[in-house]
């Protein structure tokens, strides 16, 4: 659908204003030479190049000890974290003690490898955890200065399930302030950087997880996603991530808690470097709800129906998708057709041009009893009185605010939000939902861009605040989606694509992820020559 004359004028004005602001920002924020030249060291320990499933098997078979594996990851984190600032609090000493206990348990086990595999599938494997999840004894702040000193007293349910399966947490990783921005930066822990280029963002809100995984400082991790907070970090850092069908994996004991109807759009899921770890992690994290999914069903890719949506269409709020992302999605289509003999149909939905408006509208809806959402300004105030975003903006201009500019911006945008949802936007969402569900059925999969461009420079998302709508719209539709890396682009930054299926058809996207890893090479060592 083409833009109207008024929309074209608005697009031009928006580009002019943001362009001027961006130039001013760049003038006052010169590049630091050390950031331009510094690069992560290459992976030197071969244990870091094995999947979690491979590591678990070797540990069970006593081919390597859990202590050796955990120590390898401790060493790698100590090597890369000064560069990327992904881990904000470690528990290395406790993790090594737990690894020694694992090795002792294996020595004493009389039931054999099969018993251990069935009971403790991740026994002795290191794990990283997003700081927004409760991990007993670890900080639980989401980067809010007023929560400094808050420590989790319990484990969030999916964290507890992973630990019960034998995984050993190494520490917690950075997030955006209150998990509501696509750059992981806050005034409590600082800014996290992309392992492929330290001048680029790692995404958010699970950016610490994405950065650490991309840097080979972790093999498996856990994230949550209400607008792309698993997928954008996985995309920007060249790793795999899965946003589950909502309601399958528990979202309890996360901060901030959901309100209104946000539970319908929030998903907890696995993040990892190797596609084969996605499905077993999801089985564990879902607990008894794993029965809702067909995770034990073998998928024949040749029998699936494939679709490709190249972009969201014309929208004055959204940046156009870059040529290299359009090209890599075309390569996925061509490779799939050549390898499997299937036909990938290109489809377009005019309603997608309203992706941001749909996400923004539905995120603000009250629950079914009419109880409104908790305002972001209230979350900023935590246990104290709500913050005034305009006052915080003035304080920020004088360097006195405890809050980041993105958090203040979210609060300001909330102030000007209409009190009643637009009937037109509700209609567009309902129409899109119906069309997409009819398209996918139980055997359909579509490819969709992960973002409008590869990882942006630090703070640049402030000038393109709506581009996350490429991930956010999938949350509102309630669909499962796997983010898959597709090699590196012309700037040496990760490329990728979203793989989306119908509700409860998570096993389809996970199967496609395995194929894409083989076809395009999966994760790449950012320190490689």
Foldseek 3Di string as FASTA:
>chain_A
DDDDPVLVVLLVVLCVVLVVVVVVVCVVVDDDVCLQPDAAAFQDDCLLVDALQVVLLCCLVVVDALLVSLVSLVVLCVRCCVLFVWFQDWDSVVLNVLSVVLSVCSVPDDPGSVVLCVQQVRASAEEEEALQWADAQAQNFLQFPVSVPPHHNDGALLVVLNVRSHYGYTGHTFAPRQFDAFARAALRRGGGAANLGRQFGLTHRSSSVLRCQLQSSHFKYKDKDQLCRFQSNCQQSQWKKKFAQQPQADPPRGPPDWFFPSSNLMGMAMIGQALVVRLVSSPRRRVPSCVLFPSVDDDDLLPFAEEEEQALDDASQADAADPVQSVLSVVVQVVCCVPNVHHYHYDYQNLSSCLLLLLVQRSFHGHPVRHTIDQLQCSSQPVHHGHDLVVLVVCVVVVRHSTDPVSSVSNVVVVPDDPDRDPVNVVSLVVVLVVVCVQFPLRYKYKFAQWRYHGHGPPSCVSSVRGSSSRNSCSVSSWMKMWFWQAADPVRTTHIIIMTHHHSNNNVRSVVNNVSCVVRVGRDNSNDD
